[in-house]
C-alpha cells in the first residue's frame, strides 16, 4: 500500500513536471495579464448608449375633445415646450459624465479578476515551494527509517522511533500528494519563479508605488462631484427658462363666421417658485455631504494604509530575524553533528536529525514569506495600486 501511494505521488509530480517543461515558462506579469484577459469576458457597453443628442423640445402634447358630442365642432390642442441652448449644453455634459460613471463601474467589476490572478500566483507558488521542501524532507525521513531498520535488526526489537517515523512518512506523503494535486490542476504553463520578488524586498517595491494610491476612489469622487455640479447647472438653466410653452388651439367650424376658431397661447415662468429654491438647496446639501464623505474616507484610508504598512514592516523584520537565527543554529548544529559523527562512528542519526530540523525551518520561513505576500496583496488592494493599468508586475523583481 505504501509503495502504491508513493507511485501515485511520483506519477502526479512527473505529469505536472512534464507539462510545465513542455512549454517555456511564463513571466509572472505575462501570466497575470493573460489570466485576467481569460477571466474578463464581460460584454462591452452598447454603442447606442454613447450617442445622445439633446432635443430642441422638452415636451409636446396633442389633445382633442368634443363640443357637446358634435364631432363637426371637435376641438384640437397642440402644446410645445421648447428647450434652450443652455439646457441642451447642460444635458449633453451630464450625459458624458454618466458614461464616465459607467466606465468606472466597469473597472470596479473587473478588479475582482485581477485579485484572482494575483492570488493564484501565490497559491501555486506556495504549493510549488512546499512540494519541493517536503520531497527533500521525505528523503531525510526515509534515510532515518533505514537507519532505525538496521538498528532494530541488531537489537532484534522494533524501537518506538521506527514506528513514529513510519507515521511521519505517511503524513508527509499525504501532504506531498495534496501539493502535487494543487499543481496538477493548473491550466496554464509554469511560471518563472525566479522572477518573483523576494518577500524581504517588498518594501523596496512599495517605495516605487506610493504616489498613485486610491485611484478608483479618487475617480469615483471626481465623477460624482462633477455630476452634482452638472445637475446644478441644468437646474439653473431650467430656472432661467422664461418661455414655458406655446399652445395652438383649433375649434371646429361654426355657423357664426365671426366666432374664433384658432387661438394661440404662450406661458411664461417667473423665477420665484419655492419648489425651485428647494431643489437648489437639495443639490447644495448633497454636494456638501459628498465633500464630507470624501474627507472622512481619506482619513480612514490613511489610517488603514498605515496599519497595513506597519504589519508588513513587522512581518519582514520577523522574517529577517528568523533567517539570521536559523542560520546561526544551523552552524551550531553542523558543528555538533560533525563532533557526534566522529565520536559515535557510523551512526548518522544525529546528522539526519540536523538535516530534518533545517528543512523544517525552511517550512517555517516559507510560512512567514507567504504571510508577507498575503499582507502585501492586501495592501495593494487597499491602496488600489493593484488595479492600475500597468499593475501586472507588482509581484516581479
Protein backbone atom coordinates (compact mmCIF):
# COMPACT_ATOMS: atom_id res chain seq x y z
CA UNK A 1 0.00 0.00 0.00
CA UNK A 2 2.85 2.33 0.86
CA UNK A 3 4.55 1.55 -2.46
CA UNK A 4 1.34 2.26 -4.37
CA UNK A 5 0.84 5.64 -2.70
CA UNK A 6 4.42 6.62 -3.45
CA UNK A 7 4.00 5.52 -7.05
CA UNK A 8 0.87 7.70 -7.41
CA UNK A 9 2.72 10.70 -5.97
CA UNK A 10 5.62 10.20 -8.35
CA UNK A 11 3.29 9.85 -11.35
CA UNK A 12 1.35 13.02 -10.49
CA UNK A 13 4.52 15.00 -9.99
CA UNK A 14 6.05 13.65 -13.19
CA UNK A 15 2.97 14.54 -15.24
CA UNK A 16 2.84 18.06 -13.83
CA UNK A 17 6.58 18.49 -14.33
CA UNK A 18 6.47 17.28 -17.93
CA UNK A 19 3.55 19.58 -18.69
CA UNK A 20 5.34 22.55 -17.19
CA UNK A 21 8.55 21.91 -19.08
CA UNK A 22 6.79 21.13 -22.34
CA UNK A 23 6.23 24.84 -22.73
CA UNK A 24 8.53 27.71 -21.96
CA UNK A 25 7.90 29.23 -18.52
CA UNK A 26 5.93 32.44 -18.47
CA UNK A 27 6.98 35.57 -16.66
CA UNK A 28 4.69 36.46 -13.78
CA UNK A 29 3.39 39.73 -15.35
CA UNK A 30 2.57 37.89 -18.60
CA UNK A 31 0.72 35.16 -16.71
CA UNK A 32 -1.33 37.67 -14.73
CA UNK A 33 -2.18 39.66 -17.85
CA UNK A 34 -3.24 36.52 -19.74
CA UNK A 35 -5.22 35.22 -16.77
CA UNK A 36 -7.12 38.49 -16.35
CA UNK A 37 -7.89 38.50 -20.08
CA UNK A 38 -9.24 34.94 -19.88
CA UNK A 39 -11.48 35.78 -16.92
CA UNK A 40 -12.66 39.13 -18.21
CA UNK A 41 -15.36 38.19 -20.71
CA UNK A 42 -17.91 40.82 -19.70
CA UNK A 43 -19.84 42.28 -22.64
CA UNK A 44 -18.91 45.75 -23.80
CA UNK A 45 -21.32 48.61 -23.26
CA UNK A 46 -23.73 49.13 -26.14
CA UNK A 47 -22.55 51.75 -28.63
CA UNK A 48 -26.01 53.33 -28.80
CA UNK A 49 -25.73 54.32 -25.14
CA UNK A 50 -22.83 56.59 -26.04
CA UNK A 51 -24.89 58.61 -28.51
CA UNK A 52 -27.03 61.39 -27.11
CA UNK A 53 -28.43 64.43 -28.85
CA UNK A 54 -30.24 66.93 -26.66
CA UNK A 55 -33.57 67.86 -28.23
CA UNK A 56 -34.87 71.29 -29.04
CA UNK A 57 -38.20 70.41 -27.48
CA UNK A 58 -38.67 69.45 -23.83
CA UNK A 59 -42.23 68.28 -24.24
CA UNK A 60 -45.08 68.04 -26.72
CA UNK A 61 -48.81 67.42 -26.10
CA UNK A 62 -51.68 66.85 -28.51
CA UNK A 63 -55.19 66.84 -27.08
CA UNK A 64 -58.66 66.70 -28.51
CA UNK A 65 -62.20 66.94 -27.13
CA UNK A 66 -65.75 67.14 -28.45
CA UNK A 67 -68.19 70.03 -28.08
CA UNK A 68 -71.50 68.51 -26.89
CA UNK A 69 -70.61 65.32 -28.78
CA UNK A 70 -70.76 67.18 -32.06
CA UNK A 71 -67.74 65.87 -33.94
CA UNK A 72 -68.03 68.59 -36.51
CA UNK A 73 -67.13 71.00 -33.75
CA UNK A 74 -64.19 68.95 -32.42
CA UNK A 75 -61.51 70.88 -30.51
CA UNK A 76 -57.80 70.25 -31.08
CA UNK A 77 -54.98 71.50 -28.87
CA UNK A 78 -51.26 71.36 -29.66
CA UNK A 79 -48.76 72.38 -26.97
CA UNK A 80 -44.97 72.61 -27.30
CA UNK A 81 -42.44 73.26 -24.52
CA UNK A 82 -39.17 74.42 -26.13
CA UNK A 83 -35.69 73.88 -24.75
CA UNK A 84 -32.85 76.42 -24.60
CA UNK A 85 -29.20 76.25 -25.69
CA UNK A 86 -28.02 76.30 -22.06
CA UNK A 87 -30.31 73.40 -21.13
CA UNK A 88 -29.14 71.35 -24.11
CA UNK A 89 -25.48 72.01 -23.26
CA UNK A 90 -26.03 71.02 -19.62
CA UNK A 91 -27.85 67.82 -20.66
CA UNK A 92 -25.02 66.83 -23.03
CA UNK A 93 -22.39 67.45 -20.35
CA UNK A 94 -24.38 65.41 -17.84
CA UNK A 95 -24.69 62.52 -20.29
CA UNK A 96 -20.89 62.45 -20.77
CA UNK A 97 -20.47 62.13 -17.02
CA UNK A 98 -22.98 59.27 -16.91
CA UNK A 99 -20.74 57.48 -19.43
CA UNK A 100 -17.68 58.09 -17.25
CA UNK A 101 -19.55 56.71 -14.26
CA UNK A 102 -20.43 53.59 -16.26
CA UNK A 103 -16.75 53.15 -17.26
CA UNK A 104 -15.75 53.44 -13.62
CA UNK A 105 -18.27 50.77 -12.62
CA UNK A 106 -16.82 48.52 -15.32
CA UNK A 107 -13.39 48.98 -13.76
CA UNK A 108 -14.79 48.03 -10.37
CA UNK A 109 -16.37 44.90 -11.84
CA UNK A 110 -13.08 43.83 -13.41
CA UNK A 111 -10.91 44.37 -10.35
CA UNK A 112 -12.02 41.01 -8.91
CA UNK A 113 -10.41 39.27 -11.89
CA UNK A 114 -7.08 40.97 -11.13
CA UNK A 115 -7.31 39.85 -7.50
CA UNK A 116 -7.96 36.26 -8.58
CA UNK A 117 -4.93 36.25 -10.90
CA UNK A 118 -2.58 37.54 -8.20
CA UNK A 119 -3.97 35.17 -5.57
CA UNK A 120 -3.50 32.22 -7.94
CA UNK A 121 0.18 33.08 -8.36
CA UNK A 122 0.68 32.97 -4.59
CA UNK A 123 -1.34 29.76 -4.17
CA UNK A 124 0.70 27.91 -6.78
CA UNK A 125 3.98 29.38 -5.55
CA UNK A 126 3.24 28.11 -2.03
CA UNK A 127 2.32 24.66 -3.37
CA UNK A 128 5.46 24.60 -5.53
CA UNK A 129 7.73 25.52 -2.62
CA UNK A 130 6.02 23.17 -0.15
CA UNK A 131 6.26 20.29 -2.59
CA UNK A 132 9.97 20.88 -3.14
CA UNK A 133 10.74 21.22 0.58
CA UNK A 134 8.61 18.24 1.64
CA UNK A 135 10.16 16.00 -1.01
CA UNK A 136 13.54 16.95 0.41
CA UNK A 137 12.25 16.19 3.91
CA UNK A 138 10.83 12.83 2.75
CA UNK A 139 14.27 11.70 1.61
CA UNK A 140 15.74 12.51 5.03
CA UNK A 141 12.95 10.66 6.87
CA UNK A 142 13.36 7.65 4.61
CA UNK A 143 17.08 7.63 5.45
CA UNK A 144 16.17 7.74 9.14
CA UNK A 145 13.79 4.85 8.56
CA UNK A 146 16.61 2.80 7.02
CA UNK A 147 18.92 3.53 9.96
CA UNK A 148 16.29 2.55 12.51
CA UNK A 149 15.59 -0.58 10.49
CA UNK A 150 19.22 -1.62 10.70
CA UNK A 151 19.34 -0.82 14.42
CA UNK A 152 16.24 -2.93 15.02
CA UNK A 153 17.92 -5.86 13.29
CA UNK A 154 20.86 -5.58 15.65
CA UNK A 155 18.75 -5.20 18.81
CA UNK A 156 16.04 -7.57 17.49
CA UNK A 157 13.42 -5.12 18.75
CA UNK A 158 11.24 -2.61 16.93
CA UNK A 159 12.04 0.73 18.55
CA UNK A 160 9.34 3.32 19.15
CA UNK A 161 11.23 5.81 16.99
CA UNK A 162 10.86 3.47 13.98
CA UNK A 163 7.07 3.40 14.45
CA UNK A 164 6.92 7.17 14.78
CA UNK A 165 8.99 7.66 11.66
CA UNK A 166 6.52 5.50 9.75
CA UNK A 167 3.67 7.79 10.80
CA UNK A 168 5.70 10.89 9.87
CA UNK A 169 6.49 9.46 6.44
CA UNK A 170 2.85 8.55 5.80
CA UNK A 171 1.65 12.04 6.76
CA UNK A 172 4.37 13.63 4.66
CA UNK A 173 3.36 11.55 1.64
CA UNK A 174 -0.21 12.73 2.09
CA UNK A 175 0.99 16.33 2.17
CA UNK A 176 3.09 15.81 -0.96
CA UNK A 177 0.11 14.20 -2.71
CA UNK A 178 -2.03 17.23 -1.82
CA UNK A 179 0.51 19.78 -3.07
CA UNK A 180 1.09 17.80 -6.25
CA UNK A 181 -2.67 17.72 -6.82
CA UNK A 182 -2.85 21.50 -6.48
CA UNK A 183 -0.14 21.94 -9.09
CA UNK A 184 -1.72 19.38 -11.42
CA UNK A 185 -4.93 21.45 -11.57
CA UNK A 186 -3.05 24.42 -13.02
CA UNK A 187 -4.34 25.01 -16.53
CA UNK A 188 -1.63 27.48 -17.52
CA UNK A 189 2.07 26.95 -18.15
CA UNK A 190 4.51 27.01 -15.29
CA UNK A 191 5.88 30.32 -14.15
CA UNK A 192 9.41 31.56 -13.86
CA UNK A 193 9.53 31.64 -10.07
CA UNK A 194 12.98 33.23 -10.17
CA UNK A 195 11.14 36.38 -11.25
CA UNK A 196 9.13 36.57 -8.00
CA UNK A 197 10.11 39.46 -5.77
CA UNK A 198 11.74 38.23 -2.52
CA UNK A 199 9.49 38.68 0.49
CA UNK A 200 12.08 40.70 2.39
CA UNK A 201 12.46 43.13 -0.58
CA UNK A 202 8.80 44.09 -0.81
CA UNK A 203 9.27 47.41 0.97
CA UNK A 204 11.63 48.46 -1.83
CA UNK A 205 8.86 47.67 -4.30
CA UNK A 206 6.39 49.74 -2.31
CA UNK A 207 8.77 52.66 -2.33
CA UNK A 208 8.20 52.98 -6.07
CA UNK A 209 4.39 52.87 -5.84
CA UNK A 210 3.32 55.42 -3.24
CA UNK A 211 2.17 58.32 -5.42
CA UNK A 212 -0.92 56.87 -7.11
CA UNK A 213 -2.80 55.36 -4.22
CA UNK A 214 -6.60 55.07 -4.19
CA UNK A 215 -7.07 55.96 -7.89
CA UNK A 216 -10.55 54.38 -8.18
CA UNK A 217 -11.85 56.17 -5.09
CA UNK A 218 -10.48 59.48 -6.38
CA UNK A 219 -12.07 58.94 -9.79
CA UNK A 220 -15.39 57.96 -8.23
CA UNK A 221 -15.41 61.13 -6.11
CA UNK A 222 -14.46 63.34 -9.05
CA UNK A 223 -17.22 61.88 -11.22
CA UNK A 224 -19.87 62.14 -8.50
CA UNK A 225 -18.82 65.70 -7.71
CA UNK A 226 -18.96 66.69 -11.38
CA UNK A 227 -22.37 65.05 -11.78
CA UNK A 228 -23.73 67.15 -8.92
CA UNK A 229 -22.21 70.29 -10.46
CA UNK A 230 -23.72 69.49 -13.86
CA UNK A 231 -27.10 68.78 -12.26
CA UNK A 232 -26.80 72.16 -10.60
CA UNK A 233 -26.03 73.81 -13.95
CA UNK A 234 -29.00 72.04 -15.55
CA UNK A 235 -31.33 73.16 -12.76
CA UNK A 236 -30.07 76.74 -13.07
CA UNK A 237 -30.59 76.66 -16.84
CA UNK A 238 -34.12 75.34 -16.42
CA UNK A 239 -34.91 78.03 -13.87
CA UNK A 240 -33.71 80.73 -16.25
CA UNK A 241 -36.01 79.42 -18.95
CA UNK A 242 -38.74 82.06 -19.30
CA UNK A 243 -40.95 80.58 -22.00
CA UNK A 244 -42.78 77.61 -20.54
CA UNK A 245 -44.84 76.54 -23.54
CA UNK A 246 -46.59 77.67 -26.69
CA UNK A 247 -50.08 76.37 -27.39
CA UNK A 248 -52.25 76.40 -30.51
CA UNK A 249 -55.94 75.54 -30.23
CA UNK A 250 -58.33 74.89 -33.11
CA UNK A 251 -62.11 74.71 -32.74
CA UNK A 252 -64.24 73.08 -35.38
CA UNK A 253 -66.34 75.04 -37.90
CA UNK A 254 -69.13 77.23 -36.56
CA UNK A 255 -72.23 78.78 -38.09
CA UNK A 256 -71.05 82.14 -36.85
CA UNK A 257 -68.18 83.09 -39.12
CA UNK A 258 -67.03 85.78 -36.71
CA UNK A 259 -66.53 83.30 -33.86
CA UNK A 260 -62.86 82.50 -33.17
CA UNK A 261 -61.64 79.16 -34.50
CA UNK A 262 -57.85 79.33 -33.83
CA UNK A 263 -56.19 80.67 -30.66
CA UNK A 264 -52.53 81.00 -29.72
CA UNK A 265 -51.37 80.84 -26.10
CA UNK A 266 -47.93 81.42 -24.61
CA UNK A 267 -47.00 80.74 -20.96
CA UNK A 268 -44.03 82.26 -19.14
CA UNK A 269 -42.29 81.25 -15.93
CA UNK A 270 -41.50 83.58 -13.08
CA UNK A 271 -38.31 82.68 -11.11
CA UNK A 272 -39.99 82.90 -7.70
CA UNK A 273 -41.03 79.28 -7.16
CA UNK A 274 -40.29 77.89 -3.69
CA UNK A 275 -40.07 74.42 -5.24
CA UNK A 276 -37.16 75.51 -7.41
CA UNK A 277 -35.39 77.07 -4.45
CA UNK A 278 -35.82 73.83 -2.52
CA UNK A 279 -34.29 71.86 -5.41
CA UNK A 280 -31.21 74.11 -5.41
CA UNK A 281 -30.91 73.69 -1.65
CA UNK A 282 -31.11 69.92 -2.05
CA UNK A 283 -28.27 69.97 -4.59
CA UNK A 284 -26.14 72.22 -2.35
CA UNK A 285 -26.63 69.90 0.65
CA UNK A 286 -25.82 66.84 -1.46
CA UNK A 287 -22.62 68.48 -2.69
CA UNK A 288 -21.55 69.38 0.85
CA UNK A 289 -22.25 65.86 2.12
CA UNK A 290 -20.20 64.37 -0.70
CA UNK A 291 -17.24 66.55 0.31
CA UNK A 292 -17.62 65.47 3.93
CA UNK A 293 -17.74 61.80 2.92
CA UNK A 294 -14.61 62.27 0.82
CA UNK A 295 -12.70 63.84 3.72
CA UNK A 296 -13.78 61.05 6.08
CA UNK A 297 -12.83 58.42 3.51
CA UNK A 298 -9.37 59.96 3.05
CA UNK A 299 -8.74 59.89 6.81
CA UNK A 300 -9.93 56.29 7.11
CA UNK A 301 -7.83 55.19 4.13
CA UNK A 302 -4.79 56.89 5.61
CA UNK A 303 -5.27 55.01 8.88
CA UNK A 304 -5.81 51.65 7.15
CA UNK A 305 -2.80 52.16 4.92
CA UNK A 306 -0.56 52.98 7.88
CA UNK A 307 -1.82 49.94 9.78
CA UNK A 308 -1.22 47.62 6.83
CA UNK A 309 2.25 49.10 6.28
CA UNK A 310 3.13 48.55 9.94
CA UNK A 311 2.04 44.91 9.70
CA UNK A 312 4.28 44.47 6.68
CA UNK A 313 7.22 46.08 8.49
CA UNK A 314 6.80 43.77 11.49
CA UNK A 315 6.47 40.63 9.34
CA UNK A 316 9.55 41.48 7.29
CA UNK A 317 11.57 42.24 10.42
CA UNK A 318 10.47 38.89 11.83
CA UNK A 319 11.49 37.12 8.63
CA UNK A 320 14.94 38.73 8.58
CA UNK A 321 15.47 37.95 12.25
CA UNK A 322 14.29 34.34 11.83
CA UNK A 323 16.58 33.74 8.86
CA UNK A 324 19.53 35.08 10.81
CA UNK A 325 18.68 32.99 13.86
CA UNK A 326 18.11 29.81 11.82
CA UNK A 327 21.45 30.31 10.05
CA UNK A 328 23.27 30.60 13.38
CA UNK A 329 21.50 27.50 14.70
CA UNK A 330 22.41 25.58 11.54
CA UNK A 331 26.11 26.38 12.09
CA UNK A 332 25.96 25.20 15.69
CA UNK A 333 24.10 22.01 14.80
CA UNK A 334 26.54 21.26 11.97
CA UNK A 335 29.47 21.60 14.34
CA UNK A 336 27.78 19.32 16.88
CA UNK A 337 26.85 16.81 14.15
CA UNK A 338 30.47 16.62 12.99
CA UNK A 339 31.69 16.03 16.54
CA UNK A 340 28.96 13.45 17.17
CA UNK A 341 29.84 11.62 13.98
CA UNK A 342 33.49 11.49 14.99
CA UNK A 343 32.60 10.14 18.45
CA UNK A 344 29.88 7.65 17.51
CA UNK A 345 31.29 6.33 14.30
CA UNK A 346 28.88 5.08 11.64
CA UNK A 347 25.58 6.11 13.31
CA UNK A 348 24.30 9.01 11.14
CA UNK A 349 21.10 9.65 13.09
CA UNK A 350 22.19 12.95 14.62
CA UNK A 351 23.24 14.27 11.22
CA UNK A 352 19.88 13.22 9.80
CA UNK A 353 18.07 14.90 12.70
CA UNK A 354 20.06 18.03 11.99
CA UNK A 355 19.05 17.93 8.31
CA UNK A 356 15.43 17.36 9.30
CA UNK A 357 15.48 20.38 11.60
CA UNK A 358 16.99 22.56 8.86
CA UNK A 359 14.34 21.53 6.35
CA UNK A 360 11.55 22.15 8.84
CA UNK A 361 12.99 25.61 9.36
CA UNK A 362 12.56 26.15 5.61
CA UNK A 363 8.86 25.46 6.03
CA UNK A 364 8.72 27.99 8.86
CA UNK A 365 10.46 30.58 6.69
CA UNK A 366 8.04 29.82 3.85
CA UNK A 367 5.10 30.31 6.21
CA UNK A 368 6.45 33.75 7.13
CA UNK A 369 7.08 34.61 3.49
CA UNK A 370 3.52 33.69 2.49
CA UNK A 371 2.17 35.83 5.35
CA UNK A 372 4.19 38.74 3.96
CA UNK A 373 2.94 38.15 0.41
CA UNK A 374 -0.66 37.97 1.68
CA UNK A 375 -0.31 41.21 3.63
CA UNK A 376 1.40 42.82 0.64
CA UNK A 377 -1.53 41.82 -1.56
CA UNK A 378 -3.98 43.22 1.00
CA UNK A 379 -2.03 46.48 0.98
CA UNK A 380 -2.17 46.66 -2.81
CA UNK A 381 -5.94 46.03 -2.75
CA UNK A 382 -6.48 48.63 -0.05
CA UNK A 383 -4.48 51.34 -1.83
CA UNK A 384 -5.86 50.21 -5.23
CA UNK A 385 -2.33 50.01 -6.64
CA UNK A 386 -3.29 46.50 -7.71
CA UNK A 387 -5.84 47.84 -10.18
CA UNK A 388 -3.69 50.34 -12.04
CA UNK A 389 -3.48 49.84 -15.80
CA UNK A 390 0.16 48.68 -15.61
CA UNK A 391 -0.05 46.82 -12.28
CA UNK A 392 0.72 43.32 -13.61
CA UNK A 393 4.35 43.49 -12.43
CA UNK A 394 3.76 44.09 -8.72
CA UNK A 395 4.99 40.58 -7.80
CA UNK A 396 8.07 40.76 -10.03
CA UNK A 397 11.56 41.90 -9.22
